[in-house]
Amino acid sequence: MPDASVRGQLVAKIDELVAKATRDLDEIRAVTEQLEPERARSCRNAITMASVMIDEIRLRAHAHPLDEPEPS
């Protein structure tokens, strides 16, 4: 288990990567909306699923470890 300062650096890096992935998905969304309606809808569904997974990564990275007491 990393110490608090290392954990903070790791979480900060995760935040940076999540922000980049979110920007990339926004760009992908804008481009795919220019495709045929059915193909755009299919891409939109996949992009939504990817967005949810990215949010889950961010939430889990920030979550307090289960084996430690909650901070006061």
N, C-alpha and C. Protein backbone atom coordinates (compact mmCIF):
# COMPACT_ATOMS: atom_id res chain seq x y z
N MET A 1 0.85 -1.18 0.00
CA MET A 1 0.00 0.00 0.00
C MET A 1 0.90 1.24 0.00
N PRO A 2 0.70 2.15 -0.96
CA PRO A 2 1.55 3.35 -1.00
C PRO A 2 1.24 4.28 0.17
N ASP A 3 2.26 5.06 0.59
CA ASP A 3 2.00 6.03 1.66
C ASP A 3 1.14 7.16 1.10
N ALA A 4 0.69 8.03 1.98
CA ALA A 4 -0.29 9.06 1.62
C ALA A 4 0.21 9.98 0.50
N SER A 5 1.48 10.36 0.54
CA SER A 5 1.98 11.28 -0.49
C SER A 5 2.06 10.59 -1.85
N VAL A 6 2.49 9.33 -1.87
CA VAL A 6 2.55 8.58 -3.12
C VAL A 6 1.15 8.33 -3.64
N ARG A 7 0.24 7.97 -2.74
CA ARG A 7 -1.15 7.74 -3.13
C ARG A 7 -1.73 9.02 -3.74
N GLY A 8 -1.45 10.16 -3.13
CA GLY A 8 -1.92 11.44 -3.66
C GLY A 8 -1.39 11.71 -5.06
N GLN A 9 -0.13 11.38 -5.29
CA GLN A 9 0.46 11.56 -6.62
C GLN A 9 -0.19 10.64 -7.64
N LEU A 10 -0.45 9.40 -7.22
CA LEU A 10 -1.09 8.45 -8.12
C LEU A 10 -2.51 8.89 -8.47
N VAL A 11 -3.26 9.35 -7.48
CA VAL A 11 -4.63 9.82 -7.72
C VAL A 11 -4.61 11.06 -8.61
N ALA A 12 -3.64 11.94 -8.41
CA ALA A 12 -3.53 13.12 -9.26
C ALA A 12 -3.25 12.72 -10.71
N LYS A 13 -2.41 11.72 -10.91
CA LYS A 13 -2.13 11.23 -12.27
C LYS A 13 -3.37 10.60 -12.88
N ILE A 14 -4.12 9.85 -12.08
CA ILE A 14 -5.37 9.27 -12.56
C ILE A 14 -6.33 10.37 -12.97
N ASP A 15 -6.45 11.42 -12.16
CA ASP A 15 -7.31 12.56 -12.50
C ASP A 15 -6.89 13.19 -13.83
N GLU A 16 -5.59 13.33 -14.02
CA GLU A 16 -5.07 13.90 -15.27
C GLU A 16 -5.46 13.03 -16.47
N LEU A 17 -5.27 11.73 -16.33
CA LEU A 17 -5.58 10.81 -17.43
C LEU A 17 -7.08 10.73 -17.69
N VAL A 18 -7.88 10.76 -16.62
CA VAL A 18 -9.33 10.74 -16.77
C VAL A 18 -9.80 12.00 -17.50
N ALA A 19 -9.23 13.14 -17.15
CA ALA A 19 -9.60 14.39 -17.82
C ALA A 19 -9.24 14.32 -19.31
N LYS A 20 -8.08 13.77 -19.62
CA LYS A 20 -7.67 13.63 -21.02
C LYS A 20 -8.61 12.68 -21.76
N ALA A 21 -8.93 11.55 -21.15
CA ALA A 21 -9.83 10.58 -21.78
C ALA A 21 -11.21 11.19 -22.00
N THR A 22 -11.67 12.00 -21.06
CA THR A 22 -12.96 12.67 -21.19
C THR A 22 -12.94 13.64 -22.36
N ARG A 23 -11.86 14.41 -22.47
CA ARG A 23 -11.72 15.33 -23.62
C ARG A 23 -11.70 14.55 -24.93
N ASP A 24 -10.98 13.44 -24.95
CA ASP A 24 -10.92 12.61 -26.16
C ASP A 24 -12.30 12.08 -26.52
N LEU A 25 -13.05 11.62 -25.54
CA LEU A 25 -14.40 11.12 -25.81
C LEU A 25 -15.31 12.23 -26.33
N ASP A 26 -15.16 13.42 -25.80
CA ASP A 26 -15.95 14.55 -26.30
C ASP A 26 -15.64 14.81 -27.77
N GLU A 27 -14.36 14.74 -28.12
CA GLU A 27 -13.96 14.95 -29.51
C GLU A 27 -14.49 13.82 -30.40
N ILE A 28 -14.38 12.60 -29.92
CA ILE A 28 -14.89 11.45 -30.67
C ILE A 28 -16.40 11.61 -30.88
N ARG A 29 -17.10 12.02 -29.84
CA ARG A 29 -18.55 12.22 -29.93
C ARG A 29 -18.88 13.24 -31.01
N ALA A 30 -18.17 14.35 -31.03
CA ALA A 30 -18.43 15.40 -32.02
C ALA A 30 -18.21 14.89 -33.44
N VAL A 31 -17.19 14.09 -33.65
CA VAL A 31 -16.90 13.57 -34.98
C VAL A 31 -17.92 12.50 -35.38
N THR A 32 -18.23 11.59 -34.47
CA THR A 32 -19.16 10.51 -34.83
C THR A 32 -20.57 11.02 -35.09
N GLU A 33 -20.94 12.15 -34.53
CA GLU A 33 -22.27 12.71 -34.79
C GLU A 33 -22.43 13.11 -36.25
N GLN A 34 -21.33 13.19 -36.98
CA GLN A 34 -21.39 13.54 -38.39
C GLN A 34 -21.60 12.31 -39.29
N LEU A 35 -21.60 11.13 -38.69
CA LEU A 35 -21.84 9.91 -39.45
C LEU A 35 -23.34 9.74 -39.72
N GLU A 36 -23.67 8.67 -40.42
CA GLU A 36 -25.07 8.36 -40.66
C GLU A 36 -25.78 8.21 -39.32
N PRO A 37 -27.09 8.56 -39.26
CA PRO A 37 -27.81 8.55 -37.97
C PRO A 37 -27.71 7.24 -37.20
N GLU A 38 -27.87 6.10 -37.88
CA GLU A 38 -27.84 4.81 -37.18
C GLU A 38 -26.44 4.52 -36.64
N ARG A 39 -25.42 4.81 -37.44
CA ARG A 39 -24.04 4.58 -37.00
C ARG A 39 -23.68 5.55 -35.86
N ALA A 40 -24.13 6.80 -35.97
CA ALA A 40 -23.87 7.78 -34.92
C ALA A 40 -24.50 7.33 -33.61
N ARG A 41 -25.74 6.79 -33.69
CA ARG A 41 -26.43 6.33 -32.48
C ARG A 41 -25.67 5.18 -31.84
N SER A 42 -25.17 4.26 -32.65
CA SER A 42 -24.39 3.14 -32.15
C SER A 42 -23.11 3.63 -31.47
N CYS A 43 -22.44 4.58 -32.08
CA CYS A 43 -21.22 5.15 -31.49
C CYS A 43 -21.56 5.87 -30.19
N ARG A 44 -22.67 6.59 -30.18
CA ARG A 44 -23.09 7.33 -28.98
C ARG A 44 -23.26 6.37 -27.80
N ASN A 45 -23.86 5.19 -28.07
CA ASN A 45 -24.04 4.20 -27.00
C ASN A 45 -22.70 3.73 -26.44
N ALA A 46 -21.75 3.46 -27.33
CA ALA A 46 -20.42 3.00 -26.89
C ALA A 46 -19.69 4.11 -26.13
N ILE A 47 -19.83 5.34 -26.60
CA ILE A 47 -19.18 6.47 -25.93
C ILE A 47 -19.77 6.65 -24.53
N THR A 48 -21.08 6.49 -24.41
CA THR A 48 -21.72 6.60 -23.10
C THR A 48 -21.19 5.53 -22.15
N MET A 49 -21.06 4.31 -22.64
CA MET A 49 -20.53 3.24 -21.79
C MET A 49 -19.09 3.55 -21.37
N ALA A 50 -18.28 4.04 -22.30
CA ALA A 50 -16.89 4.39 -21.98
C ALA A 50 -16.85 5.52 -20.95
N SER A 51 -17.73 6.49 -21.08
CA SER A 51 -17.78 7.61 -20.12
C SER A 51 -18.12 7.11 -18.72
N VAL A 52 -19.06 6.19 -18.64
CA VAL A 52 -19.43 5.62 -17.34
C VAL A 52 -18.25 4.87 -16.73
N MET A 53 -17.52 4.12 -17.54
CA MET A 53 -16.36 3.39 -17.02
C MET A 53 -15.27 4.34 -16.55
N ILE A 54 -15.05 5.41 -17.29
CA ILE A 54 -14.05 6.39 -16.88
C ILE A 54 -14.45 7.05 -15.56
N ASP A 55 -15.73 7.39 -15.41
CA ASP A 55 -16.21 7.95 -14.14
C ASP A 55 -16.00 6.97 -13.00
N GLU A 56 -16.23 5.69 -13.27
CA GLU A 56 -16.05 4.66 -12.25
C GLU A 56 -14.59 4.57 -11.82
N ILE A 57 -13.68 4.68 -12.76
CA ILE A 57 -12.24 4.67 -12.43
C ILE A 57 -11.92 5.83 -11.50
N ARG A 58 -12.41 7.02 -11.86
CA ARG A 58 -12.15 8.21 -11.04
C ARG A 58 -12.72 8.02 -9.63
N LEU A 59 -13.95 7.55 -9.53
CA LEU A 59 -14.58 7.37 -8.22
C LEU A 59 -13.83 6.33 -7.38
N ARG A 60 -13.44 5.24 -7.98
CA ARG A 60 -12.74 4.19 -7.23
C ARG A 60 -11.35 4.65 -6.80
N ALA A 61 -10.69 5.44 -7.62
CA ALA A 61 -9.37 5.95 -7.25
C ALA A 61 -9.45 6.88 -6.06
N HIS A 62 -10.53 7.65 -5.98
CA HIS A 62 -10.69 8.60 -4.88
C HIS A 62 -11.31 7.98 -3.63
N ALA A 63 -11.86 6.79 -3.77
CA ALA A 63 -12.53 6.15 -2.63
C ALA A 63 -11.51 5.82 -1.54
N HIS A 64 -11.98 5.89 -0.32
CA HIS A 64 -11.16 5.52 0.82
C HIS A 64 -10.97 4.01 0.84
N PRO A 65 -9.75 3.50 1.08
CA PRO A 65 -9.55 2.05 1.13
C PRO A 65 -10.48 1.40 2.16
N LEU A 66 -11.02 0.26 1.81
CA LEU A 66 -11.99 -0.42 2.67
C LEU A 66 -11.38 -0.93 3.98
N ASP A 67 -10.08 -1.21 3.97
CA ASP A 67 -9.45 -1.78 5.15
C ASP A 67 -8.89 -0.72 6.10
N GLU A 68 -9.19 0.55 5.85
CA GLU A 68 -8.72 1.62 6.72
C GLU A 68 -9.92 2.37 7.30
N PRO A 69 -9.78 2.92 8.50
CA PRO A 69 -10.88 3.69 9.07
C PRO A 69 -11.11 4.99 8.27
N GLU A 70 -12.35 5.47 8.26
CA GLU A 70 -12.69 6.71 7.59
C GLU A 70 -11.94 7.87 8.24
N PRO A 71 -11.44 8.84 7.43
CA PRO A 71 -10.78 9.99 8.03
C PRO A 71 -11.80 10.85 8.78
N SER A 72 -11.34 11.53 9.81
CA SER A 72 -12.25 12.35 10.62
C SER A 72 -12.49 13.69 9.99
